[in-house]
Protein backbone atom coordinates (compact mmCIF):
# COMPACT_ATOMS: atom_id res chain seq x y z
CA UNK A 1 0.00 0.00 0.00
CA UNK A 2 1.35 3.42 -0.94
CA UNK A 3 1.50 5.31 2.37
CA UNK A 4 1.74 8.68 0.55
CA UNK A 5 -1.91 8.37 -0.56
CA UNK A 6 -3.26 6.33 2.37
CA UNK A 7 -5.77 7.56 4.96
CA UNK A 8 -6.80 6.19 8.35
CA UNK A 9 -10.37 5.03 8.89
CA UNK A 10 -11.24 5.48 12.56
CA UNK A 11 -14.28 4.56 14.64
CA UNK A 12 -16.70 7.47 14.85
CA UNK A 13 -17.50 6.48 18.47
CA UNK A 14 -14.10 5.99 20.13
CA UNK A 15 -11.48 6.83 17.49
CA UNK A 16 -9.96 3.34 17.33
CA UNK A 17 -8.15 2.58 14.05
CA UNK A 18 -10.36 0.36 11.87
CA UNK A 19 -8.35 0.29 8.64
CA UNK A 20 -6.25 2.12 6.07
CA UNK A 21 -7.93 3.51 2.93
CA UNK A 22 -6.22 4.04 -0.41
CA UNK A 23 -8.43 4.97 -3.34
CA UNK A 24 -11.40 2.60 -3.34
CA UNK A 25 -9.63 -0.12 -1.32
CA UNK A 26 -9.57 -0.70 2.43
CA UNK A 27 -6.85 -2.65 4.23
CA UNK A 28 -7.92 -4.30 7.48
CA UNK A 29 -5.51 -6.01 9.91
CA UNK A 30 -6.20 -7.59 13.26
CA UNK A 31 -5.14 -10.31 15.72
CA UNK A 32 -3.14 -13.39 14.72
CA UNK A 33 -1.86 -11.81 11.51
CA UNK A 34 -5.17 -11.65 9.65
CA UNK A 35 -4.98 -9.08 6.85
CA UNK A 36 -7.61 -8.26 4.21
CA UNK A 37 -7.93 -5.81 1.30
CA UNK A 38 -11.52 -5.11 0.34
CA UNK A 39 -13.33 -2.81 -2.09
CA UNK A 40 -15.54 0.00 -0.79
CA UNK A 41 -18.20 0.40 0.49
CA UNK A 42 -17.43 -1.31 3.83
CA UNK A 43 -19.26 -1.60 7.14
CA UNK A 44 -17.96 -2.83 10.50
CA UNK A 45 -18.73 -2.80 14.19
CA UNK A 46 -15.94 -1.42 16.38
CA UNK A 47 -14.11 -4.22 18.21
CA UNK A 48 -13.71 -2.07 21.34
CA UNK A 49 -16.05 -3.81 23.84
CA UNK A 50 -16.93 -0.45 25.42
CA UNK A 51 -17.91 1.05 22.04
CA UNK A 52 -19.47 -1.40 19.53
CA UNK A 53 -20.37 1.48 17.18
CA UNK A 54 -21.51 0.64 13.65
CA UNK A 55 -19.16 2.35 11.17
CA UNK A 56 -19.76 2.74 7.42
CA UNK A 57 -17.27 3.82 4.77
CA UNK A 58 -18.21 4.68 1.19
CA UNK A 59 -16.03 5.92 -1.68
CA UNK A 60 -15.50 9.64 -1.12
CA UNK A 61 -16.06 9.49 2.66
CA UNK A 62 -13.86 11.74 4.78
CA UNK A 63 -10.99 10.00 6.52
CA UNK A 64 -7.85 11.42 8.17
CA UNK A 65 -4.50 11.27 6.34
CA UNK A 66 -2.18 8.47 7.50
CA UNK A 67 1.04 9.59 9.20
């Protein structure tokens, strides 16, 4: 993934990192080395047990630049 054009997708409830967006692709990584690249749109529930917010991401949605 080209970090120069990547953006962070964060939970709208708690701010936890959900994935990295580049163009119309989303990269998701979590425990035990699982890693996925999926096309947008995407929907997920935050894995933070105190949050559990439903998050939706569509092409053109606002996300913060990756640093």
